[in-house]
Each structure stands twice: as structure tokens, then as C-alpha cells.
Amino acid sequence: MAVRTLPYSSPRPWASIPGQETFRSFAAAFFSLTLLTDWAYMQTMVLMWKDFSAWLLFAGAVSGGIAVVLWLIGLLVYRQQQAWLVVLLNAVILAVAFVNNLVHAGDGWTAIVPTGIGLSLLTCVLMLVSAALRRMAFRPVVRA
């Protein structure tokens, strides 16, 4: 009995490019910490927290951008049709984070409250939705 495989097909439906999950996880951590530092700034009004938020947003945007590029390469190489919605949502998350970065570039209180913290919260909620979609898309199929 011969096993026939298609070229560039993945033996696993959740195959990924090395480093892709690492960059995605770092971006999620950076964006989550941004929400926490925004909240800390709102409570204390210490400018250090605003600066931390700006740097965390920058680091999250860089690592998230690398993750999206690796996701696109993985989609092309492994031909994973079920992951397009996840990649699109991750690109939307990066767009919201970019707008949040522009808002955080402002001065003082108006850079964080209420728009900056709202965008940080929106980014975190979208990351949770993306994680749920990714989990549903790559759920192993059990056939009896």
C-alpha cells in the first residue's frame, strides 16, 4: 500500500514556521503588559508608566509584525486554509496597536486616559478572540 502526499503538504494541520509561536507569545505578553502599565499610570500619574507603555507597544508591534510575516509564510508553504481568519485578525490587532502607539505618543494624561487604555483593552480582547479562533481552527480531528 503506497502513501501518496502532495508537495509542500504538512503532516500536521498545525505545522508552523520555527519562531512563529514565540513571536506571537511575546507580542501577546507585551500588549497585555501595556494594559497593566496604562492602568498603573491612570492610578498613580507617574510618567514612568507612560514611558513603559510606549516601549511595550513598540516591542509588541515589532514582535507581532514578525509573527504575522511568519504566519503568512506558513500559510503559503503549508497551505493551511483554516488559518486565514486568524492571520487577518492578527493583522487587525497590529493595526489597533499601531493606532494605540500613535495615541501614546501624546503628552501626559490625555495620551493614556481614556483613549489609550481603551485601545489597550481592545487589543487584549482581540488577542483573546484570536487565540480562541486559532484553537478552533487547529483542533485535532478525531475519527473513529
N, C-alpha and C. Protein backbone atom coordinates (compact mmCIF):
# COMPACT_ATOMS: atom_id res chain seq x y z
N MET A 1 0.84 -1.17 0.00
CA MET A 1 0.00 0.00 0.00
C MET A 1 0.89 1.24 0.00
N ALA A 2 0.69 2.09 -0.96
CA ALA A 2 1.52 3.29 -1.11
C ALA A 2 0.82 4.48 -0.47
N VAL A 3 1.61 5.30 0.17
CA VAL A 3 1.10 6.53 0.76
C VAL A 3 1.46 7.66 -0.18
N ARG A 4 0.45 8.41 -0.56
CA ARG A 4 0.68 9.49 -1.50
C ARG A 4 0.53 10.82 -0.79
N THR A 5 1.52 11.68 -0.92
CA THR A 5 1.46 13.00 -0.32
C THR A 5 1.61 14.06 -1.39
N LEU A 6 1.01 15.18 -1.12
CA LEU A 6 1.14 16.32 -2.02
C LEU A 6 2.40 17.10 -1.69
N PRO A 7 3.01 17.75 -2.67
CA PRO A 7 4.19 18.55 -2.35
C PRO A 7 3.83 19.70 -1.41
N TYR A 8 4.72 19.96 -0.49
CA TYR A 8 4.59 21.03 0.50
C TYR A 8 3.41 20.82 1.44
N SER A 9 2.87 19.64 1.51
CA SER A 9 1.79 19.43 2.46
C SER A 9 2.38 19.09 3.82
N SER A 10 1.71 19.50 4.83
CA SER A 10 2.20 19.30 6.18
C SER A 10 1.65 18.00 6.74
N PRO A 11 2.48 17.25 7.45
CA PRO A 11 1.95 16.05 8.08
C PRO A 11 1.02 16.38 9.24
N ARG A 12 1.12 17.60 9.76
CA ARG A 12 0.26 18.04 10.86
C ARG A 12 -0.53 19.25 10.39
N PRO A 13 -1.79 19.36 10.78
CA PRO A 13 -2.56 20.53 10.36
C PRO A 13 -2.14 21.81 11.07
N TRP A 14 -1.34 21.71 12.11
CA TRP A 14 -0.94 22.90 12.88
C TRP A 14 0.54 23.21 12.71
N ALA A 15 1.14 22.76 11.63
CA ALA A 15 2.56 23.00 11.40
C ALA A 15 2.84 24.49 11.33
N SER A 16 3.98 24.88 11.83
CA SER A 16 4.31 26.30 11.84
C SER A 16 5.79 26.49 11.55
N ILE A 17 6.10 27.70 11.15
CA ILE A 17 7.48 28.10 10.90
C ILE A 17 8.16 28.25 12.27
N PRO A 18 9.41 27.80 12.41
CA PRO A 18 10.09 27.97 13.70
C PRO A 18 10.17 29.44 14.12
N GLY A 19 9.82 29.69 15.35
CA GLY A 19 9.84 31.04 15.89
C GLY A 19 8.50 31.75 15.83
N GLN A 20 7.58 31.24 15.04
CA GLN A 20 6.29 31.90 14.86
C GLN A 20 5.50 31.97 16.16
N GLU A 21 5.41 30.89 16.87
CA GLU A 21 4.67 30.88 18.13
C GLU A 21 5.39 31.71 19.20
N THR A 22 6.70 31.72 19.16
CA THR A 22 7.47 32.51 20.13
C THR A 22 7.19 33.99 19.96
N PHE A 23 7.25 34.48 18.72
CA PHE A 23 6.99 35.89 18.47
C PHE A 23 5.55 36.26 18.79
N ARG A 24 4.60 35.36 18.51
CA ARG A 24 3.21 35.61 18.83
C ARG A 24 3.02 35.72 20.34
N SER A 25 3.68 34.82 21.07
CA SER A 25 3.56 34.84 22.53
C SER A 25 4.19 36.10 23.13
N PHE A 26 5.34 36.51 22.59
CA PHE A 26 5.96 37.74 23.08
C PHE A 26 5.07 38.96 22.80
N ALA A 27 4.48 39.01 21.61
CA ALA A 27 3.59 40.14 21.29
C ALA A 27 2.40 40.17 22.24
N ALA A 28 1.82 39.00 22.53
CA ALA A 28 0.70 38.94 23.46
C ALA A 28 1.11 39.41 24.86
N ALA A 29 2.29 39.02 25.28
CA ALA A 29 2.78 39.45 26.59
C ALA A 29 3.02 40.96 26.62
N PHE A 30 3.64 41.49 25.58
CA PHE A 30 3.90 42.93 25.54
C PHE A 30 2.60 43.74 25.54
N PHE A 31 1.61 43.31 24.75
CA PHE A 31 0.35 44.05 24.68
C PHE A 31 -0.43 43.93 25.99
N SER A 32 -0.37 42.78 26.64
CA SER A 32 -1.04 42.63 27.93
C SER A 32 -0.38 43.49 29.00
N LEU A 33 0.94 43.53 28.99
CA LEU A 33 1.64 44.38 29.94
C LEU A 33 1.38 45.86 29.68
N THR A 34 1.13 46.22 28.44
CA THR A 34 0.78 47.61 28.12
C THR A 34 -0.51 48.01 28.82
N LEU A 35 -1.49 47.11 28.83
CA LEU A 35 -2.74 47.40 29.54
C LEU A 35 -2.47 47.61 31.03
N LEU A 36 -1.61 46.77 31.60
CA LEU A 36 -1.29 46.92 33.02
C LEU A 36 -0.55 48.22 33.32
N THR A 37 0.39 48.60 32.47
CA THR A 37 1.12 49.84 32.72
C THR A 37 0.24 51.07 32.47
N ASP A 38 -0.71 50.96 31.54
CA ASP A 38 -1.68 52.05 31.37
C ASP A 38 -2.52 52.22 32.62
N TRP A 39 -2.96 51.10 33.17
CA TRP A 39 -3.75 51.15 34.40
C TRP A 39 -2.91 51.73 35.55
N ALA A 40 -1.64 51.33 35.64
CA ALA A 40 -0.76 51.86 36.69
C ALA A 40 -0.59 53.36 36.53
N TYR A 41 -0.46 53.84 35.29
CA TYR A 41 -0.34 55.29 35.07
C TYR A 41 -1.62 56.01 35.47
N MET A 42 -2.76 55.41 35.14
CA MET A 42 -4.03 56.03 35.49
C MET A 42 -4.20 56.14 37.00
N GLN A 43 -3.66 55.18 37.75
CA GLN A 43 -3.80 55.20 39.20
C GLN A 43 -2.79 56.12 39.88
N THR A 44 -1.57 56.23 39.31
CA THR A 44 -0.50 56.96 40.01
C THR A 44 -0.09 58.27 39.35
N MET A 45 -0.34 58.42 38.05
CA MET A 45 0.09 59.57 37.27
C MET A 45 1.62 59.77 37.28
N VAL A 46 2.35 58.68 37.41
CA VAL A 46 3.81 58.72 37.32
C VAL A 46 4.18 58.49 35.86
N LEU A 47 4.93 59.43 35.28
CA LEU A 47 5.23 59.36 33.85
C LEU A 47 6.04 58.13 33.44
N MET A 48 6.70 57.50 34.38
CA MET A 48 7.46 56.29 34.09
C MET A 48 6.56 55.22 33.47
N TRP A 49 5.31 55.09 33.95
CA TRP A 49 4.39 54.08 33.44
C TRP A 49 3.98 54.39 32.01
N LYS A 50 3.85 55.66 31.68
CA LYS A 50 3.52 56.05 30.30
C LYS A 50 4.66 55.66 29.37
N ASP A 51 5.90 55.90 29.81
CA ASP A 51 7.05 55.51 29.00
C ASP A 51 7.14 53.99 28.84
N PHE A 52 6.86 53.26 29.92
CA PHE A 52 6.85 51.80 29.83
C PHE A 52 5.82 51.34 28.81
N SER A 53 4.65 51.97 28.83
CA SER A 53 3.59 51.59 27.89
C SER A 53 4.04 51.81 26.45
N ALA A 54 4.68 52.94 26.20
CA ALA A 54 5.13 53.24 24.83
C ALA A 54 6.16 52.21 24.36
N TRP A 55 7.10 51.86 25.23
CA TRP A 55 8.12 50.88 24.84
C TRP A 55 7.52 49.49 24.67
N LEU A 56 6.59 49.12 25.53
CA LEU A 56 5.94 47.81 25.39
C LEU A 56 5.12 47.74 24.11
N LEU A 57 4.45 48.83 23.75
CA LEU A 57 3.71 48.85 22.48
C LEU A 57 4.65 48.69 21.29
N PHE A 58 5.78 49.37 21.34
CA PHE A 58 6.76 49.25 20.25
C PHE A 58 7.28 47.81 20.15
N ALA A 59 7.65 47.23 21.27
CA ALA A 59 8.16 45.85 21.25
C ALA A 59 7.09 44.87 20.79
N GLY A 60 5.85 45.08 21.22
CA GLY A 60 4.76 44.22 20.77
C GLY A 60 4.49 44.35 19.29
N ALA A 61 4.58 45.57 18.77
CA ALA A 61 4.35 45.77 17.34
C ALA A 61 5.44 45.10 16.51
N VAL A 62 6.68 45.19 16.96
CA VAL A 62 7.78 44.56 16.23
C VAL A 62 7.65 43.03 16.25
N SER A 63 7.45 42.46 17.44
CA SER A 63 7.35 41.00 17.53
C SER A 63 6.07 40.50 16.88
N GLY A 64 4.98 41.26 16.98
CA GLY A 64 3.75 40.87 16.31
C GLY A 64 3.87 40.95 14.80
N GLY A 65 4.57 41.95 14.30
CA GLY A 65 4.80 42.05 12.86
C GLY A 65 5.60 40.88 12.33
N ILE A 66 6.64 40.50 13.06
CA ILE A 66 7.43 39.34 12.65
C ILE A 66 6.57 38.08 12.68
N ALA A 67 5.72 37.95 13.69
CA ALA A 67 4.85 36.77 13.80
C ALA A 67 3.87 36.71 12.63
N VAL A 68 3.29 37.84 12.24
CA VAL A 68 2.34 37.85 11.11
C VAL A 68 3.05 37.49 9.82
N VAL A 69 4.26 37.99 9.62
CA VAL A 69 5.02 37.63 8.41
C VAL A 69 5.30 36.13 8.41
N LEU A 70 5.69 35.57 9.55
CA LEU A 70 5.93 34.13 9.62
C LEU A 70 4.65 33.34 9.43
N TRP A 71 3.52 33.85 9.91
CA TRP A 71 2.23 33.20 9.67
C TRP A 71 1.92 33.17 8.18
N LEU A 72 2.15 34.27 7.49
CA LEU A 72 1.88 34.32 6.05
C LEU A 72 2.77 33.34 5.30
N ILE A 73 4.03 33.26 5.68
CA ILE A 73 4.93 32.28 5.05
C ILE A 73 4.43 30.86 5.33
N GLY A 74 4.01 30.60 6.55
CA GLY A 74 3.48 29.29 6.90
C GLY A 74 2.23 28.95 6.12
N LEU A 75 1.37 29.95 5.89
CA LEU A 75 0.16 29.70 5.10
C LEU A 75 0.50 29.34 3.67
N LEU A 76 1.49 30.00 3.12
CA LEU A 76 1.88 29.72 1.75
C LEU A 76 2.58 28.37 1.62
N VAL A 77 3.43 28.04 2.58
CA VAL A 77 4.19 26.79 2.50
C VAL A 77 3.34 25.58 2.84
N TYR A 78 2.58 25.67 3.94
CA TYR A 78 1.82 24.52 4.41
C TYR A 78 0.39 24.48 3.92
N ARG A 79 -0.04 25.54 3.25
CA ARG A 79 -1.39 25.62 2.66
C ARG A 79 -2.48 25.32 3.69
N GLN A 80 -2.46 26.05 4.76
CA GLN A 80 -3.44 25.87 5.83
C GLN A 80 -4.60 26.84 5.60
N GLN A 81 -5.66 26.36 5.00
CA GLN A 81 -6.80 27.22 4.66
C GLN A 81 -7.54 27.71 5.89
N GLN A 82 -7.55 26.92 6.96
CA GLN A 82 -8.33 27.28 8.13
C GLN A 82 -7.71 28.42 8.93
N ALA A 83 -6.50 28.84 8.62
CA ALA A 83 -5.81 29.84 9.43
C ALA A 83 -5.90 31.26 8.87
N TRP A 84 -6.52 31.46 7.73
CA TRP A 84 -6.56 32.80 7.15
C TRP A 84 -7.27 33.80 8.05
N LEU A 85 -8.34 33.38 8.69
CA LEU A 85 -9.07 34.29 9.57
C LEU A 85 -8.22 34.70 10.77
N VAL A 86 -7.43 33.76 11.28
CA VAL A 86 -6.54 34.06 12.42
C VAL A 86 -5.48 35.07 12.01
N VAL A 87 -4.90 34.88 10.84
CA VAL A 87 -3.87 35.81 10.36
C VAL A 87 -4.47 37.19 10.11
N LEU A 88 -5.66 37.23 9.55
CA LEU A 88 -6.33 38.51 9.32
C LEU A 88 -6.61 39.23 10.63
N LEU A 89 -7.10 38.49 11.62
CA LEU A 89 -7.36 39.09 12.92
C LEU A 89 -6.07 39.56 13.59
N ASN A 90 -4.98 38.82 13.43
CA ASN A 90 -3.69 39.26 13.98
C ASN A 90 -3.22 40.54 13.30
N ALA A 91 -3.49 40.69 12.01
CA ALA A 91 -3.14 41.94 11.32
C ALA A 91 -3.99 43.10 11.84
N VAL A 92 -5.27 42.83 12.15
CA VAL A 92 -6.13 43.87 12.73
C VAL A 92 -5.61 44.26 14.12
N ILE A 93 -5.17 43.27 14.89
CA ILE A 93 -4.60 43.56 16.21
C ILE A 93 -3.38 44.47 16.08
N LEU A 94 -2.54 44.20 15.09
CA LEU A 94 -1.38 45.06 14.87
C LEU A 94 -1.79 46.47 14.46
N ALA A 95 -2.85 46.59 13.67
CA ALA A 95 -3.32 47.92 13.27
C ALA A 95 -3.85 48.69 14.48
N VAL A 96 -4.61 48.02 15.35
CA VAL A 96 -5.11 48.68 16.56
C VAL A 96 -3.94 49.07 17.46
N ALA A 97 -2.94 48.19 17.57
CA ALA A 97 -1.77 48.50 18.39
C ALA A 97 -0.98 49.68 17.80
N PHE A 98 -0.93 49.78 16.47
CA PHE A 98 -0.25 50.91 15.84
C PHE A 98 -0.96 52.22 16.16
N VAL A 99 -2.29 52.21 16.07
CA VAL A 99 -3.06 53.41 16.43
C VAL A 99 -2.84 53.73 17.91
N ASN A 100 -2.81 52.70 18.74
CA ASN A 100 -2.56 52.90 20.17
C ASN A 100 -1.18 53.51 20.39
N ASN A 101 -0.20 53.09 19.60
CA ASN A 101 1.14 53.66 19.70
C ASN A 101 1.13 55.14 19.35
N LEU A 102 0.35 55.51 18.35
CA LEU A 102 0.24 56.92 17.98
C LEU A 102 -0.44 57.72 19.09
N VAL A 103 -1.45 57.14 19.72
CA VAL A 103 -2.13 57.82 20.83
C VAL A 103 -1.18 57.99 22.01
N HIS A 104 -0.39 56.96 22.29
CA HIS A 104 0.55 57.03 23.41
C HIS A 104 1.71 58.01 23.16
N ALA A 105 1.87 58.45 21.93
CA ALA A 105 2.93 59.42 21.63
C ALA A 105 2.57 60.81 22.12
N GLY A 106 1.33 61.01 22.53
CA GLY A 106 0.90 62.31 23.05
C GLY A 106 1.51 62.58 24.42
N ASP A 107 1.16 63.74 24.96
CA ASP A 107 1.71 64.15 26.25
C ASP A 107 0.75 63.86 27.38
N GLY A 108 1.28 63.29 28.44
CA GLY A 108 0.60 63.19 29.71
C GLY A 108 -0.70 62.40 29.75
N TRP A 109 -1.61 62.90 30.57
CA TRP A 109 -2.85 62.21 30.90
C TRP A 109 -3.70 61.91 29.68
N THR A 110 -3.80 62.84 28.74
CA THR A 110 -4.66 62.65 27.57
C THR A 110 -4.13 61.59 26.61
N ALA A 111 -2.88 61.22 26.74
CA ALA A 111 -2.34 60.15 25.90
C ALA A 111 -2.77 58.78 26.39
N ILE A 112 -3.12 58.66 27.65
CA ILE A 112 -3.47 57.36 28.21
C ILE A 112 -4.96 57.26 28.48
N VAL A 113 -5.52 58.27 29.13
CA VAL A 113 -6.91 58.18 29.58
C VAL A 113 -7.77 59.07 28.70
N PRO A 114 -8.86 58.62 28.17
CA PRO A 114 -9.41 57.27 28.15
C PRO A 114 -9.05 56.50 26.89
N THR A 115 -8.56 57.19 25.85
CA THR A 115 -8.35 56.54 24.55
C THR A 115 -7.26 55.48 24.60
N GLY A 116 -6.13 55.77 25.19
CA GLY A 116 -5.02 54.82 25.22
C GLY A 116 -5.35 53.55 25.96
N ILE A 117 -5.96 53.68 27.13
CA ILE A 117 -6.30 52.49 27.89
C ILE A 117 -7.44 51.71 27.21
N GLY A 118 -8.33 52.42 26.53
CA GLY A 118 -9.39 51.75 25.77
C GLY A 118 -8.84 50.95 24.61
N LEU A 119 -7.88 51.51 23.89
CA LEU A 119 -7.26 50.78 22.79
C LEU A 119 -6.44 49.60 23.30
N SER A 120 -5.79 49.77 24.45
CA SER A 120 -5.05 48.64 25.04
C SER A 120 -6.00 47.51 25.43
N LEU A 121 -7.14 47.87 25.98
CA LEU A 121 -8.14 46.87 26.34
C LEU A 121 -8.70 46.18 25.09
N LEU A 122 -8.97 46.96 24.05
CA LEU A 122 -9.44 46.39 22.79
C LEU A 122 -8.42 45.42 22.20
N THR A 123 -7.15 45.79 22.27
CA THR A 123 -6.09 44.91 21.77
C THR A 123 -6.08 43.59 22.54
N CYS A 124 -6.21 43.64 23.85
CA CYS A 124 -6.21 42.42 24.66
C CYS A 124 -7.42 41.55 24.36
N VAL A 125 -8.59 42.17 24.19
CA VAL A 125 -9.79 41.39 23.87
C VAL A 125 -9.65 40.74 22.49
N LEU A 126 -9.13 41.47 21.52
CA LEU A 126 -8.91 40.89 20.19
C LEU A 126 -7.89 39.76 20.22
N MET A 127 -6.89 39.87 21.09
CA MET A 127 -5.92 38.77 21.23
C MET A 127 -6.59 37.53 21.78
N LEU A 128 -7.52 37.69 22.73
CA LEU A 128 -8.24 36.53 23.26
C LEU A 128 -9.12 35.89 22.19
N VAL A 129 -9.78 36.71 21.38
CA VAL A 129 -10.60 36.18 20.28
C VAL A 129 -9.71 35.45 19.27
N SER A 130 -8.55 36.02 18.96
CA SER A 130 -7.62 35.37 18.04
C SER A 130 -7.13 34.03 18.57
N ALA A 131 -6.85 33.97 19.86
CA ALA A 131 -6.41 32.70 20.45
C ALA A 131 -7.52 31.66 20.39
N ALA A 132 -8.76 32.09 20.63
CA ALA A 132 -9.88 31.14 20.56
C ALA A 132 -10.09 30.66 19.13
N LEU A 133 -9.99 31.56 18.15
CA LEU A 133 -10.13 31.15 16.75
C LEU A 133 -9.01 30.21 16.32
N ARG A 134 -7.81 30.50 16.78
CA ARG A 134 -6.68 29.64 16.44
C ARG A 134 -6.88 28.25 17.04
N ARG A 135 -7.37 28.21 18.25
CA ARG A 135 -7.60 26.91 18.90
C ARG A 135 -8.68 26.11 18.16
N MET A 136 -9.74 26.81 17.72
CA MET A 136 -10.79 26.12 16.98
C MET A 136 -10.31 25.68 15.60
N ALA A 137 -9.47 26.51 14.95
CA ALA A 137 -9.01 26.18 13.60
C ALA A 137 -8.07 24.99 13.60
N PHE A 138 -7.26 24.85 14.64
CA PHE A 138 -6.26 23.78 14.66
C PHE A 138 -6.61 22.67 15.64
N ARG A 139 -7.89 22.53 15.94
CA ARG A 139 -8.31 21.46 16.82
C ARG A 139 -8.11 20.12 16.11
N PRO A 140 -7.47 19.16 16.75
CA PRO A 140 -7.27 17.88 16.09
C PRO A 140 -8.61 17.17 15.85
N VAL A 141 -8.74 16.62 14.66
CA VAL A 141 -9.95 15.92 14.29
C VAL A 141 -9.78 14.45 14.66
N VAL A 142 -10.69 13.94 15.49
CA VAL A 142 -10.63 12.55 15.91
C VAL A 142 -11.69 11.78 15.12
N ARG A 143 -11.22 10.81 14.37
CA ARG A 143 -12.13 9.99 13.57
C ARG A 143 -12.16 8.60 14.15
N ALA A 144 -13.35 8.10 14.31
CA ALA A 144 -13.49 6.75 14.88
C ALA A 144 -13.43 5.69 13.81
